[in-house]
Amino acid sequence: MDKYNPEVFTKIVKAGRRTYFFDVRPTKNTSELYITITEKKRNEETSEKFKIFLYKEDFEKFLSALQESIEFAKKNNSEQSRSS
């Protein structure tokens, strides 16, 4: 938790050695909300974190691109499974 920008909402998704954190935080100056998406990868010795900052003006574009990418992957994964 960041003492300067505390989360107002958090969702955690555990996926094997990866954990994803979806945090909603207020900006310092305007208190508008933004999202951080953090991926934490663990192995036996260390862990790595990768973070994406997503601001309100980009929410719709990001969501649209994510949905389109997921649908493409699902469709093509099922087609590849049938041809294998």
C-alpha atoms as a PDB file:
ATOM      1  CA  MET A   1       0.000   0.000   0.000  1.00  0.00           C
ATOM      2  CA  ASP A   2       1.276   3.429  -0.939  1.00  0.00           C
ATOM      3  CA  LYS A   3       0.927   5.881   1.969  1.00  0.00           C
ATOM      4  CA  TYR A   4       0.579   8.821  -0.442  1.00  0.00           C
ATOM      5  CA  ASN A   5      -1.979   7.216  -2.730  1.00  0.00           C
ATOM      6  CA  PRO A   6      -3.875   4.612  -0.705  1.00  0.00           C
ATOM      7  CA  GLU A   7      -6.109   2.181  -2.570  1.00  0.00           C
ATOM      8  CA  VAL A   8      -9.840   2.837  -2.473  1.00  0.00           C
ATOM      9  CA  PHE A   9     -10.528  -0.534  -4.121  1.00  0.00           C
ATOM     10  CA  THR A  10      -8.411  -3.654  -4.673  1.00  0.00           C
ATOM     11  CA  LYS A  11      -9.047  -6.901  -6.527  1.00  0.00           C
ATOM     12  CA  ILE A  12      -6.504  -9.736  -6.437  1.00  0.00           C
ATOM     13  CA  VAL A  13      -6.306 -12.531  -9.012  1.00  0.00           C
ATOM     14  CA  LYS A  14      -4.029 -15.494  -8.244  1.00  0.00           C
ATOM     15  CA  ALA A  15      -2.878 -17.484 -11.266  1.00  0.00           C
ATOM     16  CA  GLY A  16      -0.201 -20.061 -10.501  1.00  0.00           C
ATOM     17  CA  ARG A  17       3.120 -18.302  -9.897  1.00  0.00           C
ATOM     18  CA  ARG A  18       1.600 -14.992 -10.927  1.00  0.00           C
ATOM     19  CA  THR A  19      -0.596 -12.691  -8.902  1.00  0.00           C
ATOM     20  CA  TYR A  20      -2.394  -9.724 -10.436  1.00  0.00           C
ATOM     21  CA  PHE A  21      -3.443  -6.712  -8.380  1.00  0.00           C
ATOM     22  CA  PHE A  22      -6.050  -4.272  -9.677  1.00  0.00           C
ATOM     23  CA  ASP A  23      -5.896  -1.170  -7.480  1.00  0.00           C
ATOM     24  CA  VAL A  24      -8.012   1.966  -7.757  1.00  0.00           C
ATOM     25  CA  ARG A  25      -6.351   5.051  -6.293  1.00  0.00           C
ATOM     26  CA  PRO A  26      -6.965   8.796  -6.239  1.00  0.00           C
ATOM     27  CA  THR A  27      -4.482  11.110  -7.949  1.00  0.00           C
ATOM     28  CA  LYS A  28      -2.513  13.367  -5.607  1.00  0.00           C
ATOM     29  CA  ASN A  29      -3.646  16.689  -7.056  1.00  0.00           C
ATOM     30  CA  THR A  30      -7.212  16.242  -8.279  1.00  0.00           C
ATOM     31  CA  SER A  31      -8.400  13.131  -6.429  1.00  0.00           C
ATOM     32  CA  GLU A  32      -9.611  11.661  -9.735  1.00  0.00           C
ATOM     33  CA  LEU A  33      -9.389   7.901  -9.695  1.00  0.00           C
ATOM     34  CA  TYR A  34      -6.928   5.871 -11.739  1.00  0.00           C
ATOM     35  CA  ILE A  35      -6.094   2.171 -11.897  1.00  0.00           C
ATOM     36  CA  THR A  36      -2.810   0.370 -11.399  1.00  0.00           C
ATOM     37  CA  ILE A  37      -2.499  -3.170 -12.686  1.00  0.00           C
ATOM     38  CA  THR A  38       0.428  -4.986 -11.118  1.00  0.00           C
ATOM     39  CA  GLU A  39       1.731  -8.407 -12.095  1.00  0.00           C
ATOM     40  CA  LYS A  40       3.895 -10.133  -9.508  1.00  0.00           C
ATOM     41  CA  LYS A  41       5.797 -13.203 -10.714  1.00  0.00           C
ATOM     42  CA  ARG A  42       7.398 -15.505  -8.171  1.00  0.00           C
ATOM     43  CA  ASN A  43      10.030 -18.168  -8.560  1.00  0.00           C
ATOM     44  CA  GLU A  44      12.015 -20.079  -5.953  1.00  0.00           C
ATOM     45  CA  GLU A  45      14.435 -17.239  -5.194  1.00  0.00           C
ATOM     46  CA  THR A  46      12.966 -13.909  -6.265  1.00  0.00           C
ATOM     47  CA  SER A  47       9.872 -12.098  -7.387  1.00  0.00           C
ATOM     48  CA  GLU A  48       9.389  -9.450 -10.052  1.00  0.00           C
ATOM     49  CA  LYS A  49       6.744  -6.757 -10.313  1.00  0.00           C
ATOM     50  CA  PHE A  50       5.463  -5.044 -13.432  1.00  0.00           C
ATOM     51  CA  LYS A  51       3.009  -2.161 -13.253  1.00  0.00           C
ATOM     52  CA  ILE A  52       0.644  -0.413 -15.661  1.00  0.00           C
ATOM     53  CA  PHE A  53      -0.941   2.937 -14.779  1.00  0.00           C
ATOM     54  CA  LEU A  54      -4.304   3.539 -16.401  1.00  0.00           C
ATOM     55  CA  TYR A  55      -5.919   6.979 -16.241  1.00  0.00           C
ATOM     56  CA  LYS A  56      -9.612   7.764 -16.705  1.00  0.00           C
ATOM     57  CA  GLU A  57      -9.217   9.256 -20.181  1.00  0.00           C
ATOM     58  CA  ASP A  58      -7.891   5.874 -21.373  1.00  0.00           C
ATOM     59  CA  PHE A  59     -10.337   3.497 -19.601  1.00  0.00           C
ATOM     60  CA  GLU A  60     -12.657   2.924 -22.574  1.00  0.00           C
ATOM     61  CA  LYS A  61      -9.839   2.532 -25.138  1.00  0.00           C
ATOM     62  CA  PHE A  62      -7.973   0.117 -22.876  1.00  0.00           C
ATOM     63  CA  LEU A  63     -11.094  -1.939 -22.118  1.00  0.00           C
ATOM     64  CA  SER A  64     -12.038  -2.123 -25.796  1.00  0.00           C
ATOM     65  CA  ALA A  65      -8.543  -3.264 -26.822  1.00  0.00           C
ATOM     66  CA  LEU A  66      -8.422  -5.798 -23.965  1.00  0.00           C
ATOM     67  CA  GLN A  67     -11.832  -7.270 -24.855  1.00  0.00           C
ATOM     68  CA  GLU A  68     -10.916  -7.475 -28.539  1.00  0.00           C
ATOM     69  CA  SER A  69      -7.596  -9.163 -27.707  1.00  0.00           C
ATOM     70  CA  ILE A  70      -9.236 -11.696 -25.381  1.00  0.00           C
ATOM     71  CA  GLU A  71     -11.914 -12.563 -27.939  1.00  0.00           C
ATOM     72  CA  PHE A  72      -9.276 -12.985 -30.660  1.00  0.00           C
ATOM     73  CA  ALA A  73      -7.165 -15.245 -28.420  1.00  0.00           C
ATOM     74  CA  LYS A  74     -10.180 -17.353 -27.390  1.00  0.00           C
ATOM     75  CA  LYS A  75     -11.325 -17.787 -30.990  1.00  0.00           C
ATOM     76  CA  ASN A  76      -7.884 -18.612 -32.296  1.00  0.00           C
ATOM     77  CA  ASN A  77      -7.009 -20.910 -29.390  1.00  0.00           C
ATOM     78  CA  SER A  78     -10.140 -22.978 -30.062  1.00  0.00           C
ATOM     79  CA  GLU A  79      -9.377 -23.052 -33.817  1.00  0.00           C
ATOM     80  CA  GLN A  80      -5.790 -24.131 -33.148  1.00  0.00           C
ATOM     81  CA  SER A  81      -7.003 -26.847 -30.754  1.00  0.00           C
ATOM     82  CA  ARG A  82      -9.281 -28.273 -33.486  1.00  0.00           C
ATOM     83  CA  SER A  83      -6.490 -28.317 -36.073  1.00  0.00           C
ATOM     84  CA  SER A  84      -3.957 -30.002 -33.767  1.00  0.00           C
END
